[in-house]
């Protein structure tokens, strides 16, 4: 070996040992399909909530409540994944045609149809 490297060799070896001590152990875990799909589902749910808040009738209701569409979009972006998932689940439960008749209104409509059918 070259005699010029002998004075630097302990320093180089010391630096190598010190850098190995700083690295620490490496950890690796398996990622399940549900965890991998959760990220995609979260972005899909966030997009659905964002699209819902940008609909004209929803934007009108938000403005009537004092919330601008820009504020609503900012609030959707600031929500956590659990909050977005809960709102998206509520969107799935909403009736597609708008307001559903209450039980009382449904009974009144059925009675009116029966009354008209009997009178004719």
C-alpha atoms as a PDB file:
ATOM      1  CA  UNK A   1       0.000   0.000   0.000  1.00  0.00           C
ATOM      2  CA  UNK A   2       1.071   3.550  -0.467  1.00  0.00           C
ATOM      3  CA  UNK A   3       2.779   5.073   2.595  1.00  0.00           C
ATOM      4  CA  UNK A   4       1.084   8.433   2.012  1.00  0.00           C
ATOM      5  CA  UNK A   5      -2.377   6.964   2.901  1.00  0.00           C
ATOM      6  CA  UNK A   6      -1.373   5.613   6.332  1.00  0.00           C
ATOM      7  CA  UNK A   7      -1.943   8.876   8.229  1.00  0.00           C
ATOM      8  CA  UNK A   8      -5.435   9.294   6.714  1.00  0.00           C
ATOM      9  CA  UNK A   9      -6.533   5.673   7.031  1.00  0.00           C
ATOM     10  CA  UNK A  10      -7.736   5.861  10.696  1.00  0.00           C
ATOM     11  CA  UNK A  11      -9.738   9.000   9.927  1.00  0.00           C
ATOM     12  CA  UNK A  12     -11.370   7.435   6.876  1.00  0.00           C
ATOM     13  CA  UNK A  13     -12.225   4.234   8.763  1.00  0.00           C
ATOM     14  CA  UNK A  14     -13.545   6.262  11.712  1.00  0.00           C
ATOM     15  CA  UNK A  15     -15.778   8.307   9.395  1.00  0.00           C
ATOM     16  CA  UNK A  16     -17.094   5.102   7.767  1.00  0.00           C
ATOM     17  CA  UNK A  17     -17.893   3.518  11.137  1.00  0.00           C
ATOM     18  CA  UNK A  18     -19.551   6.707  12.352  1.00  0.00           C
ATOM     19  CA  UNK A  19     -21.731   6.930   9.220  1.00  0.00           C
ATOM     20  CA  UNK A  20     -22.809   3.289   9.637  1.00  0.00           C
ATOM     21  CA  UNK A  21     -23.844   4.007  13.229  1.00  0.00           C
ATOM     22  CA  UNK A  22     -26.010   6.931  12.086  1.00  0.00           C
ATOM     23  CA  UNK A  23     -27.918   4.918   9.494  1.00  0.00           C
ATOM     24  CA  UNK A  24     -29.754   2.650  11.922  1.00  0.00           C
ATOM     25  CA  UNK A  25     -31.686  -0.470  11.053  1.00  0.00           C
ATOM     26  CA  UNK A  26     -33.901  -0.632   8.012  1.00  0.00           C
ATOM     27  CA  UNK A  27     -37.543  -1.624   8.436  1.00  0.00           C
ATOM     28  CA  UNK A  28     -39.812  -2.962   5.760  1.00  0.00           C
ATOM     29  CA  UNK A  29     -43.467  -3.909   6.095  1.00  0.00           C
ATOM     30  CA  UNK A  30     -45.873  -5.483   3.696  1.00  0.00           C
ATOM     31  CA  UNK A  31     -48.556  -3.178   2.351  1.00  0.00           C
ATOM     32  CA  UNK A  32     -51.971  -4.763   2.024  1.00  0.00           C
ATOM     33  CA  UNK A  33     -54.309  -4.204  -0.869  1.00  0.00           C
ATOM     34  CA  UNK A  34     -56.771  -2.307   1.291  1.00  0.00           C
ATOM     35  CA  UNK A  35     -54.067   0.146   2.365  1.00  0.00           C
ATOM     36  CA  UNK A  36     -52.899   0.640  -1.201  1.00  0.00           C
ATOM     37  CA  UNK A  37     -56.452   1.134  -2.442  1.00  0.00           C
ATOM     38  CA  UNK A  38     -57.286   3.545   0.405  1.00  0.00           C
ATOM     39  CA  UNK A  39     -55.166   6.299  -1.125  1.00  0.00           C
ATOM     40  CA  UNK A  40     -56.919   5.984  -4.477  1.00  0.00           C
ATOM     41  CA  UNK A  41     -60.323   5.843  -2.775  1.00  0.00           C
ATOM     42  CA  UNK A  42     -59.511   8.945  -0.741  1.00  0.00           C
ATOM     43  CA  UNK A  43     -58.699  11.016  -3.822  1.00  0.00           C
ATOM     44  CA  UNK A  44     -61.819   9.693  -5.563  1.00  0.00           C
ATOM     45  CA  UNK A  45     -63.992  10.620  -2.567  1.00  0.00           C
ATOM     46  CA  UNK A  46     -62.411  14.066  -2.377  1.00  0.00           C
ATOM     47  CA  UNK A  47     -63.142  14.627  -6.071  1.00  0.00           C
ATOM     48  CA  UNK A  48     -66.786  13.567  -5.577  1.00  0.00           C
ATOM     49  CA  UNK A  49     -67.228  15.986  -2.670  1.00  0.00           C
ATOM     50  CA  UNK A  50     -65.533  18.757  -4.664  1.00  0.00           C
ATOM     51  CA  UNK A  51     -67.813  18.099  -7.641  1.00  0.00           C
ATOM     52  CA  UNK A  52     -70.853  18.111  -5.344  1.00  0.00           C
ATOM     53  CA  UNK A  53     -69.960  21.477  -3.844  1.00  0.00           C
ATOM     54  CA  UNK A  54     -69.404  22.974  -7.298  1.00  0.00           C
ATOM     55  CA  UNK A  55     -72.906  22.051  -8.549  1.00  0.00           C
ATOM     56  CA  UNK A  56     -75.005  25.205  -9.182  1.00  0.00           C
ATOM     57  CA  UNK A  57     -77.840  24.351  -6.771  1.00  0.00           C
ATOM     58  CA  UNK A  58     -75.402  23.428  -3.992  1.00  0.00           C
ATOM     59  CA  UNK A  59     -73.329  26.554  -4.635  1.00  0.00           C
ATOM     60  CA  UNK A  60     -76.523  28.626  -4.369  1.00  0.00           C
ATOM     61  CA  UNK A  61     -77.390  27.038  -1.034  1.00  0.00           C
ATOM     62  CA  UNK A  62     -73.847  27.608   0.225  1.00  0.00           C
ATOM     63  CA  UNK A  63     -73.982  31.269  -0.810  1.00  0.00           C
ATOM     64  CA  UNK A  64     -77.330  31.608   0.967  1.00  0.00           C
ATOM     65  CA  UNK A  65     -75.598  30.267   4.090  1.00  0.00           C
ATOM     66  CA  UNK A  66     -72.784  32.815   3.674  1.00  0.00           C
ATOM     67  CA  UNK A  67     -70.104  30.493   2.254  1.00  0.00           C
ATOM     68  CA  UNK A  68     -68.562  31.388  -1.092  1.00  0.00           C
ATOM     69  CA  UNK A  69     -67.738  28.581  -3.560  1.00  0.00           C
ATOM     70  CA  UNK A  70     -64.022  29.337  -3.162  1.00  0.00           C
ATOM     71  CA  UNK A  71     -64.289  28.964   0.604  1.00  0.00           C
ATOM     72  CA  UNK A  72     -66.168  25.680   0.175  1.00  0.00           C
ATOM     73  CA  UNK A  73     -63.463  24.323  -2.144  1.00  0.00           C
ATOM     74  CA  UNK A  74     -60.764  25.424   0.307  1.00  0.00           C
ATOM     75  CA  UNK A  75     -62.587  23.691   3.147  1.00  0.00           C
ATOM     76  CA  UNK A  76     -62.857  20.472   1.117  1.00  0.00           C
ATOM     77  CA  UNK A  77     -59.103  20.609   0.443  1.00  0.00           C
ATOM     78  CA  UNK A  78     -58.438  21.129   4.172  1.00  0.00           C
ATOM     79  CA  UNK A  79     -60.552  18.139   5.291  1.00  0.00           C
ATOM     80  CA  UNK A  80     -58.927  14.980   6.553  1.00  0.00           C
ATOM     81  CA  UNK A  81     -59.413  11.712   4.692  1.00  0.00           C
ATOM     82  CA  UNK A  82     -61.882  10.431   7.331  1.00  0.00           C
ATOM     83  CA  UNK A  83     -64.033  13.563   7.011  1.00  0.00           C
ATOM     84  CA  UNK A  84     -64.083  13.308   3.221  1.00  0.00           C
ATOM     85  CA  UNK A  85     -64.942   9.602   3.431  1.00  0.00           C
ATOM     86  CA  UNK A  86     -67.855  10.341   5.817  1.00  0.00           C
ATOM     87  CA  UNK A  87     -69.270  13.052   3.557  1.00  0.00           C
ATOM     88  CA  UNK A  88     -68.885  10.864   0.466  1.00  0.00           C
ATOM     89  CA  UNK A  89     -70.798   8.092   2.262  1.00  0.00           C
ATOM     90  CA  UNK A  90     -73.585  10.569   3.039  1.00  0.00           C
ATOM     91  CA  UNK A  91     -73.653  11.585  -0.629  1.00  0.00           C
ATOM     92  CA  UNK A  92     -74.272   7.950  -1.536  1.00  0.00           C
ATOM     93  CA  UNK A  93     -77.221   7.824   0.872  1.00  0.00           C
ATOM     94  CA  UNK A  94     -78.939  10.917  -0.555  1.00  0.00           C
ATOM     95  CA  UNK A  95     -81.949  10.297  -2.795  1.00  0.00           C
ATOM     96  CA  UNK A  96     -81.158  10.771  -6.467  1.00  0.00           C
ATOM     97  CA  UNK A  97     -84.315  12.706  -7.307  1.00  0.00           C
ATOM     98  CA  UNK A  98     -84.058  15.305  -4.592  1.00  0.00           C
ATOM     99  CA  UNK A  99     -86.427  15.486  -1.638  1.00  0.00           C
ATOM    100  CA  UNK A 100     -88.252  12.280  -0.711  1.00  0.00           C
ATOM    101  CA  UNK A 101     -91.860  12.347   0.458  1.00  0.00           C
ATOM    102  CA  UNK A 102     -92.381  11.892   4.155  1.00  0.00           C
ATOM    103  CA  UNK A 103     -94.606   9.070   5.360  1.00  0.00           C
ATOM    104  CA  UNK A 104     -97.471  11.477   6.043  1.00  0.00           C
ATOM    105  CA  UNK A 105     -97.265  13.015   2.559  1.00  0.00           C
ATOM    106  CA  UNK A 106     -97.160   9.561   0.968  1.00  0.00           C
ATOM    107  CA  UNK A 107    -100.321   8.463   2.855  1.00  0.00           C
ATOM    108  CA  UNK A 108    -102.127  11.649   1.775  1.00  0.00           C
ATOM    109  CA  UNK A 109    -101.214  11.054  -1.880  1.00  0.00           C
ATOM    110  CA  UNK A 110    -102.358   7.414  -1.720  1.00  0.00           C
ATOM    111  CA  UNK A 111    -105.655   8.442  -0.077  1.00  0.00           C
ATOM    112  CA  UNK A 112    -106.231  11.089  -2.752  1.00  0.00           C
ATOM    113  CA  UNK A 113    -105.647   8.517  -5.506  1.00  0.00           C
ATOM    114  CA  UNK A 114    -108.046   6.077  -3.855  1.00  0.00           C
ATOM    115  CA  UNK A 115    -110.641   8.847  -3.407  1.00  0.00           C
ATOM    116  CA  UNK A 116    -110.395   9.878  -7.044  1.00  0.00           C
ATOM    117  CA  UNK A 117    -110.624   6.257  -8.189  1.00  0.00           C
ATOM    118  CA  UNK A 118    -113.761   5.678  -6.068  1.00  0.00           C
ATOM    119  CA  UNK A 119    -115.464   8.857  -7.273  1.00  0.00           C
ATOM    120  CA  UNK A 120    -114.882   8.083 -10.928  1.00  0.00           C
END
